[in-house]
Amino acid sequence: MNETQTRKGPDARLLLLIPAVLMIAKAGRRRRAMWESGPGREFRLPPRIESALEAWHARAHASDRTEPEAAASA
């Protein structure tokens, strides 16, 4: 057997665990800050998502208006 054991250094899993813990802690701080800001601060979606939802909403209401007319003419 090899009697000269050398220390290899820290485990790679431990080195990957440290950044993961930091990211989770940072996300928790952001979430807590958002909840603590209270009702006085309005939550806004990113503009791209907001415009997509607005377009979907407009199409949904446009189709609601055309369906009764189609049913009435049938």
PDB file of N, CA and C in Angstrom:
ATOM      1  N   MET A   1       0.825  -1.197   0.000  1.00  0.00           N
ATOM      2  CA  MET A   1       0.000   0.000   0.000  1.00  0.00           C
ATOM      3  C   MET A   1       0.863   1.250   0.000  1.00  0.00           C
ATOM      4  N   ASN A   2       0.292   2.279  -0.462  1.00  0.00           N
ATOM      5  CA  ASN A   2       0.994   3.555  -0.490  1.00  0.00           C
ATOM      6  C   ASN A   2       0.845   4.244   0.858  1.00  0.00           C
ATOM      7  N   GLU A   3       1.951   4.412   1.547  1.00  0.00           N
ATOM      8  CA  GLU A   3       1.891   4.990   2.885  1.00  0.00           C
ATOM      9  C   GLU A   3       2.031   6.507   2.867  1.00  0.00           C
ATOM     10  N   THR A   4       2.389   7.063   1.750  1.00  0.00           N
ATOM     11  CA  THR A   4       2.523   8.520   1.683  1.00  0.00           C
ATOM     12  C   THR A   4       1.224   9.095   1.130  1.00  0.00           C
ATOM     13  N   GLN A   5       0.399   9.538   2.013  1.00  0.00           N
ATOM     14  CA  GLN A   5      -0.883  10.131   1.606  1.00  0.00           C
ATOM     15  C   GLN A   5      -0.705  11.631   1.453  1.00  0.00           C
ATOM     16  N   THR A   6      -1.194  12.146   0.374  1.00  0.00           N
ATOM     17  CA  THR A   6      -1.120  13.593   0.155  1.00  0.00           C
ATOM     18  C   THR A   6      -2.524  14.174   0.249  1.00  0.00           C
ATOM     19  N   ARG A   7      -2.591  15.349   0.785  1.00  0.00           N
ATOM     20  CA  ARG A   7      -3.884  16.030   0.890  1.00  0.00           C
ATOM     21  C   ARG A   7      -4.216  16.630  -0.476  1.00  0.00           C
ATOM     22  N   LYS A   8      -5.410  16.323  -0.975  1.00  0.00           N
ATOM     23  CA  LYS A   8      -5.812  16.757  -2.311  1.00  0.00           C
ATOM     24  C   LYS A   8      -6.418  18.152  -2.317  1.00  0.00           C
ATOM     25  N   GLY A   9      -6.826  18.665  -1.200  1.00  0.00           N
ATOM     26  CA  GLY A   9      -7.464  19.972  -1.153  1.00  0.00           C
ATOM     27  C   GLY A   9      -8.942  19.824  -0.893  1.00  0.00           C
ATOM     28  N   PRO A  10      -9.684  20.931  -0.940  1.00  0.00           N
ATOM     29  CA  PRO A  10     -11.122  20.870  -0.642  1.00  0.00           C
ATOM     30  C   PRO A  10     -11.885  20.071  -1.701  1.00  0.00           C
ATOM     31  N   ASP A  11     -12.951  19.485  -1.262  1.00  0.00           N
ATOM     32  CA  ASP A  11     -13.799  18.692  -2.148  1.00  0.00           C
ATOM     33  C   ASP A  11     -14.474  19.612  -3.177  1.00  0.00           C
ATOM     34  N   ALA A  12     -14.593  19.158  -4.405  1.00  0.00           N
ATOM     35  CA  ALA A  12     -15.203  19.965  -5.468  1.00  0.00           C
ATOM     36  C   ALA A  12     -16.669  20.262  -5.163  1.00  0.00           C
ATOM     37  N   ARG A  13     -17.349  19.331  -4.515  1.00  0.00           N
ATOM     38  CA  ARG A  13     -18.760  19.585  -4.177  1.00  0.00           C
ATOM     39  C   ARG A  13     -18.894  20.745  -3.215  1.00  0.00           C
ATOM     40  N   LEU A  14     -17.977  20.852  -2.288  1.00  0.00           N
ATOM     41  CA  LEU A  14     -18.008  21.958  -1.348  1.00  0.00           C
ATOM     42  C   LEU A  14     -17.783  23.282  -2.067  1.00  0.00           C
ATOM     43  N   LEU A  15     -16.885  23.288  -3.023  1.00  0.00           N
ATOM     44  CA  LEU A  15     -16.625  24.513  -3.776  1.00  0.00           C
ATOM     45  C   LEU A  15     -17.829  24.928  -4.619  1.00  0.00           C
ATOM     46  N   LEU A  16     -18.629  23.990  -5.075  1.00  0.00           N
ATOM     47  CA  LEU A  16     -19.842  24.320  -5.826  1.00  0.00           C
ATOM     48  C   LEU A  16     -20.987  24.703  -4.902  1.00  0.00           C
ATOM     49  N   LEU A  17     -20.951  24.232  -3.685  1.00  0.00           N
ATOM     50  CA  LEU A  17     -22.021  24.524  -2.736  1.00  0.00           C
ATOM     51  C   LEU A  17     -21.995  25.984  -2.291  1.00  0.00           C
ATOM     52  N   ILE A  18     -20.818  26.547  -2.155  1.00  0.00           N
ATOM     53  CA  ILE A  18     -20.699  27.917  -1.658  1.00  0.00           C
ATOM     54  C   ILE A  18     -21.396  28.921  -2.582  1.00  0.00           C
ATOM     55  N   PRO A  19     -21.160  28.942  -3.904  1.00  0.00           N
ATOM     56  CA  PRO A  19     -21.881  29.894  -4.766  1.00  0.00           C
ATOM     57  C   PRO A  19     -23.391  29.645  -4.780  1.00  0.00           C
ATOM     58  N   ALA A  20     -23.795  28.379  -4.680  1.00  0.00           N
ATOM     59  CA  ALA A  20     -25.226  28.081  -4.676  1.00  0.00           C
ATOM     60  C   ALA A  20     -25.887  28.679  -3.439  1.00  0.00           C
ATOM     61  N   VAL A  21     -25.262  28.573  -2.307  1.00  0.00           N
ATOM     62  CA  VAL A  21     -25.815  29.142  -1.072  1.00  0.00           C
ATOM     63  C   VAL A  21     -25.884  30.664  -1.179  1.00  0.00           C
ATOM     64  N   LEU A  22     -24.861  31.272  -1.759  1.00  0.00           N
ATOM     65  CA  LEU A  22     -24.869  32.727  -1.915  1.00  0.00           C
ATOM     66  C   LEU A  22     -25.988  33.192  -2.838  1.00  0.00           C
ATOM     67  N   MET A  23     -26.234  32.454  -3.927  1.00  0.00           N
ATOM     68  CA  MET A  23     -27.320  32.829  -4.842  1.00  0.00           C
ATOM     69  C   MET A  23     -28.679  32.691  -4.171  1.00  0.00           C
ATOM     70  N   ILE A  24     -28.875  31.642  -3.397  1.00  0.00           N
ATOM     71  CA  ILE A  24     -30.146  31.445  -2.698  1.00  0.00           C
ATOM     72  C   ILE A  24     -30.358  32.554  -1.677  1.00  0.00           C
ATOM     73  N   ALA A  25     -29.307  32.924  -0.952  1.00  0.00           N
ATOM     74  CA  ALA A  25     -29.424  33.994   0.039  1.00  0.00           C
ATOM     75  C   ALA A  25     -29.747  35.329  -0.626  1.00  0.00           C
ATOM     76  N   LYS A  26     -29.126  35.595  -1.759  1.00  0.00           N
ATOM     77  CA  LYS A  26     -29.388  36.849  -2.471  1.00  0.00           C
ATOM     78  C   LYS A  26     -30.832  36.904  -2.961  1.00  0.00           C
ATOM     79  N   ALA A  27     -31.334  35.792  -3.494  1.00  0.00           N
ATOM     80  CA  ALA A  27     -32.726  35.745  -3.948  1.00  0.00           C
ATOM     81  C   ALA A  27     -33.679  35.938  -2.780  1.00  0.00           C
ATOM     82  N   GLY A  28     -33.353  35.363  -1.636  1.00  0.00           N
ATOM     83  CA  GLY A  28     -34.193  35.534  -0.452  1.00  0.00           C
ATOM     84  C   GLY A  28     -34.230  36.972   0.009  1.00  0.00           C
ATOM     85  N   ARG A  29     -33.101  37.654  -0.046  1.00  0.00           N
ATOM     86  CA  ARG A  29     -33.079  39.076   0.348  1.00  0.00           C
ATOM     87  C   ARG A  29     -33.926  39.902  -0.599  1.00  0.00           C
ATOM     88  N   ARG A  30     -33.816  39.624  -1.889  1.00  0.00           N
ATOM     89  CA  ARG A  30     -34.630  40.382  -2.851  1.00  0.00           C
ATOM     90  C   ARG A  30     -36.118  40.145  -2.632  1.00  0.00           C
ATOM     91  N   ARG A  31     -36.491  38.890  -2.403  1.00  0.00           N
ATOM     92  CA  ARG A  31     -37.895  38.558  -2.198  1.00  0.00           C
ATOM     93  C   ARG A  31     -38.430  39.226  -0.928  1.00  0.00           C
ATOM     94  N   ARG A  32     -37.628  39.186   0.123  1.00  0.00           N
ATOM     95  CA  ARG A  32     -38.040  39.811   1.380  1.00  0.00           C
ATOM     96  C   ARG A  32     -38.200  41.318   1.207  1.00  0.00           C
ATOM     97  N   ALA A  33     -37.289  41.937   0.467  1.00  0.00           N
ATOM     98  CA  ALA A  33     -37.379  43.378   0.232  1.00  0.00           C
ATOM     99  C   ALA A  33     -38.630  43.716  -0.565  1.00  0.00           C
ATOM    100  N   MET A  34     -38.995  42.848  -1.510  1.00  0.00           N
ATOM    101  CA  MET A  34     -40.187  43.094  -2.304  1.00  0.00           C
ATOM    102  C   MET A  34     -41.437  43.006  -1.429  1.00  0.00           C
ATOM    103  N   TRP A  35     -41.474  42.034  -0.504  1.00  0.00           N
ATOM    104  CA  TRP A  35     -42.630  41.902   0.377  1.00  0.00           C
ATOM    105  C   TRP A  35     -42.688  43.037   1.386  1.00  0.00           C
ATOM    106  N   GLU A  36     -41.523  43.476   1.879  1.00  0.00           N
ATOM    107  CA  GLU A  36     -41.502  44.530   2.881  1.00  0.00           C
ATOM    108  C   GLU A  36     -41.789  45.895   2.300  1.00  0.00           C
ATOM    109  N   SER A  37     -41.664  46.054   0.998  1.00  0.00           N
ATOM    110  CA  SER A  37     -41.919  47.352   0.391  1.00  0.00           C
ATOM    111  C   SER A  37     -43.384  47.749   0.555  1.00  0.00           C
ATOM    112  N   GLY A  38     -44.238  46.769   0.756  1.00  0.00           N
ATOM    113  CA  GLY A  38     -45.634  47.044   1.085  1.00  0.00           C
ATOM    114  C   GLY A  38     -46.484  47.417  -0.112  1.00  0.00           C
ATOM    115  N   PRO A  39     -47.756  47.740   0.175  1.00  0.00           N
ATOM    116  CA  PRO A  39     -48.698  48.026  -0.899  1.00  0.00           C
ATOM    117  C   PRO A  39     -48.460  49.372  -1.570  1.00  0.00           C
ATOM    118  N   GLY A  40     -47.662  50.251  -0.968  1.00  0.00           N
ATOM    119  CA  GLY A  40     -47.412  51.551  -1.571  1.00  0.00           C
ATOM    120  C   GLY A  40     -46.585  51.470  -2.834  1.00  0.00           C
ATOM    121  N   ARG A  41     -45.844  50.395  -2.994  1.00  0.00           N
ATOM    122  CA  ARG A  41     -45.000  50.241  -4.177  1.00  0.00           C
ATOM    123  C   ARG A  41     -45.633  49.217  -5.102  1.00  0.00           C
ATOM    124  N   GLU A  42     -45.896  49.623  -6.324  1.00  0.00           N
ATOM    125  CA  GLU A  42     -46.578  48.754  -7.282  1.00  0.00           C
ATOM    126  C   GLU A  42     -45.586  47.835  -7.973  1.00  0.00           C
ATOM    127  N   PHE A  43     -45.949  46.572  -8.097  1.00  0.00           N
ATOM    128  CA  PHE A  43     -45.118  45.598  -8.804  1.00  0.00           C
ATOM    129  C   PHE A  43     -45.363  45.735 -10.294  1.00  0.00           C
ATOM    130  N   ARG A  44     -44.315  45.854 -11.075  1.00  0.00           N
ATOM    131  CA  ARG A  44     -44.433  46.013 -12.521  1.00  0.00           C
ATOM    132  C   ARG A  44     -43.778  44.834 -13.229  1.00  0.00           C
ATOM    133  N   LEU A  45     -44.437  44.357 -14.266  1.00  0.00           N
ATOM    134  CA  LEU A  45     -43.851  43.326 -15.116  1.00  0.00           C
ATOM    135  C   LEU A  45     -42.871  43.978 -16.092  1.00  0.00           C
ATOM    136  N   PRO A  46     -41.943  43.205 -16.608  1.00  0.00           N
ATOM    137  CA  PRO A  46     -41.062  43.751 -17.646  1.00  0.00           C
ATOM    138  C   PRO A  46     -41.885  44.185 -18.858  1.00  0.00           C
ATOM    139  N   PRO A  47     -41.454  45.235 -19.560  1.00  0.00           N
ATOM    140  CA  PRO A  47     -42.256  45.782 -20.672  1.00  0.00           C
ATOM    141  C   PRO A  47     -42.596  44.756 -21.747  1.00  0.00           C
ATOM    142  N   ARG A  48     -41.681  43.844 -22.051  1.00  0.00           N
ATOM    143  CA  ARG A  48     -41.948  42.851 -23.097  1.00  0.00           C
ATOM    144  C   ARG A  48     -43.102  41.936 -22.692  1.00  0.00           C
ATOM    145  N   ILE A  49     -43.111  41.478 -21.456  1.00  0.00           N
ATOM    146  CA  ILE A  49     -44.176  40.602 -20.978  1.00  0.00           C
ATOM    147  C   ILE A  49     -45.479  41.383 -20.874  1.00  0.00           C
ATOM    148  N   GLU A  50     -45.388  42.620 -20.396  1.00  0.00           N
ATOM    149  CA  GLU A  50     -46.591  43.437 -20.263  1.00  0.00           C
ATOM    150  C   GLU A  50     -47.256  43.688 -21.614  1.00  0.00           C
ATOM    151  N   SER A  51     -46.461  43.961 -22.654  1.00  0.00           N
ATOM    152  CA  SER A  51     -47.040  44.197 -23.983  1.00  0.00           C
ATOM    153  C   SER A  51     -47.638  42.906 -24.553  1.00  0.00           C
ATOM    154  N   ALA A  52     -47.015  41.768 -24.298  1.00  0.00           N
ATOM    155  CA  ALA A  52     -47.563  40.497 -24.777  1.00  0.00           C
ATOM    156  C   ALA A  52     -48.895  40.192 -24.098  1.00  0.00           C
ATOM    157  N   LEU A  53     -48.974  40.451 -22.803  1.00  0.00           N
ATOM    158  CA  LEU A  53     -50.237  40.223 -22.087  1.00  0.00           C
ATOM    159  C   LEU A  53     -51.321  41.186 -22.556  1.00  0.00           C
ATOM    160  N   GLU A  54     -50.946  42.425 -22.816  1.00  0.00           N
ATOM    161  CA  GLU A  54     -51.925  43.411 -23.301  1.00  0.00           C
ATOM    162  C   GLU A  54     -52.460  43.001 -24.671  1.00  0.00           C
ATOM    163  N   ALA A  55     -51.586  42.511 -25.557  1.00  0.00           N
ATOM    164  CA  ALA A  55     -52.025  42.064 -26.883  1.00  0.00           C
ATOM    165  C   ALA A  55     -52.951  40.854 -26.758  1.00  0.00           C
ATOM    166  N   TRP A  56     -52.606  39.924 -25.872  1.00  0.00           N
ATOM    167  CA  TRP A  56     -53.459  38.758 -25.662  1.00  0.00           C
ATOM    168  C   TRP A  56     -54.819  39.182 -25.125  1.00  0.00           C
ATOM    169  N   HIS A  57     -54.820  40.125 -24.187  1.00  0.00           N
ATOM    170  CA  HIS A  57     -56.070  40.614 -23.590  1.00  0.00           C
ATOM    171  C   HIS A  57     -56.946  41.260 -24.662  1.00  0.00           C
ATOM    172  N   ALA A  58     -56.331  42.069 -25.527  1.00  0.00           N
ATOM    173  CA  ALA A  58     -57.097  42.729 -26.595  1.00  0.00           C
ATOM    174  C   ALA A  58     -57.685  41.693 -27.552  1.00  0.00           C
ATOM    175  N   ARG A  59     -56.893  40.668 -27.916  1.00  0.00           N
ATOM    176  CA  ARG A  59     -57.422  39.624 -28.810  1.00  0.00           C
ATOM    177  C   ARG A  59     -58.549  38.839 -28.148  1.00  0.00           C
ATOM    178  N   ALA A  60     -58.429  38.583 -26.860  1.00  0.00           N
ATOM    179  CA  ALA A  60     -59.475  37.830 -26.156  1.00  0.00           C
ATOM    180  C   ALA A  60     -60.781  38.599 -26.148  1.00  0.00           C
ATOM    181  N   HIS A  61     -60.699  39.915 -25.890  1.00  0.00           N
ATOM    182  CA  HIS A  61     -61.926  40.714 -25.881  1.00  0.00           C
ATOM    183  C   HIS A  61     -62.470  40.926 -27.285  1.00  0.00           C
ATOM    184  N   ALA A  62     -61.612  40.980 -28.269  1.00  0.00           N
ATOM    185  CA  ALA A  62     -62.072  41.119 -29.653  1.00  0.00           C
ATOM    186  C   ALA A  62     -62.826  39.869 -30.082  1.00  0.00           C
ATOM    187  N   SER A  63     -62.351  38.700 -29.672  1.00  0.00           N
ATOM    188  CA  SER A  63     -63.049  37.468 -30.039  1.00  0.00           C
ATOM    189  C   SER A  63     -64.355  37.337 -29.259  1.00  0.00           C
ATOM    190  N   ASP A  64     -64.430  37.900 -28.049  1.00  0.00           N
ATOM    191  CA  ASP A  64     -65.678  37.892 -27.282  1.00  0.00           C
ATOM    192  C   ASP A  64     -66.745  38.730 -27.981  1.00  0.00           C
ATOM    193  N   ARG A  65     -66.333  39.812 -28.612  1.00  0.00           N
ATOM    194  CA  ARG A  65     -67.291  40.690 -29.288  1.00  0.00           C
ATOM    195  C   ARG A  65     -67.802  40.066 -30.582  1.00  0.00           C
ATOM    196  N   THR A  66     -66.964  39.290 -31.259  1.00  0.00           N
ATOM    197  CA  THR A  66     -67.387  38.718 -32.553  1.00  0.00           C
ATOM    198  C   THR A  66     -68.215  37.451 -32.377  1.00  0.00           C
ATOM    199  N   GLU A  67     -68.047  36.733 -31.278  1.00  0.00           N
ATOM    200  CA  GLU A  67     -68.795  35.488 -31.099  1.00  0.00           C
ATOM    201  C   GLU A  67     -70.308  35.705 -30.986  1.00  0.00           C
ATOM    202  N   PRO A  68     -70.813  36.694 -30.224  1.00  0.00           N
ATOM    203  CA  PRO A  68     -72.274  36.875 -30.172  1.00  0.00           C
ATOM    204  C   PRO A  68     -72.851  37.275 -31.513  1.00  0.00           C
ATOM    205  N   GLU A  69     -72.119  38.053 -32.303  1.00  0.00           N
ATOM    206  CA  GLU A  69     -72.612  38.444 -33.619  1.00  0.00           C
ATOM    207  C   GLU A  69     -72.717  37.219 -34.523  1.00  0.00           C
ATOM    208  N   ALA A  70     -71.747  36.338 -34.461  1.00  0.00           N
ATOM    209  CA  ALA A  70     -71.766  35.135 -35.295  1.00  0.00           C
ATOM    210  C   ALA A  70     -72.914  34.218 -34.852  1.00  0.00           C
ATOM    211  N   ALA A  71     -73.172  34.133 -33.569  1.00  0.00           N
ATOM    212  CA  ALA A  71     -74.246  33.292 -33.058  1.00  0.00           C
ATOM    213  C   ALA A  71     -75.610  33.880 -33.426  1.00  0.00           C
ATOM    214  N   ALA A  72     -75.730  35.212 -33.447  1.00  0.00           N
ATOM    215  CA  ALA A  72     -76.988  35.861 -33.757  1.00  0.00           C
ATOM    216  C   ALA A  72     -77.330  35.706 -35.242  1.00  0.00           C
ATOM    217  N   SER A  73     -76.319  35.697 -36.099  1.00  0.00           N
ATOM    218  CA  SER A  73     -76.590  35.580 -37.537  1.00  0.00           C
ATOM    219  C   SER A  73     -76.838  34.136 -37.951  1.00  0.00           C
ATOM    220  N   ALA A  74     -76.491  33.171 -37.121  1.00  0.00           N
ATOM    221  CA  ALA A  74     -76.675  31.768 -37.480  1.00  0.00           C
ATOM    222  C   ALA A  74     -78.087  31.287 -37.286  1.00  0.00           C
TER     223      ALA A  74
END
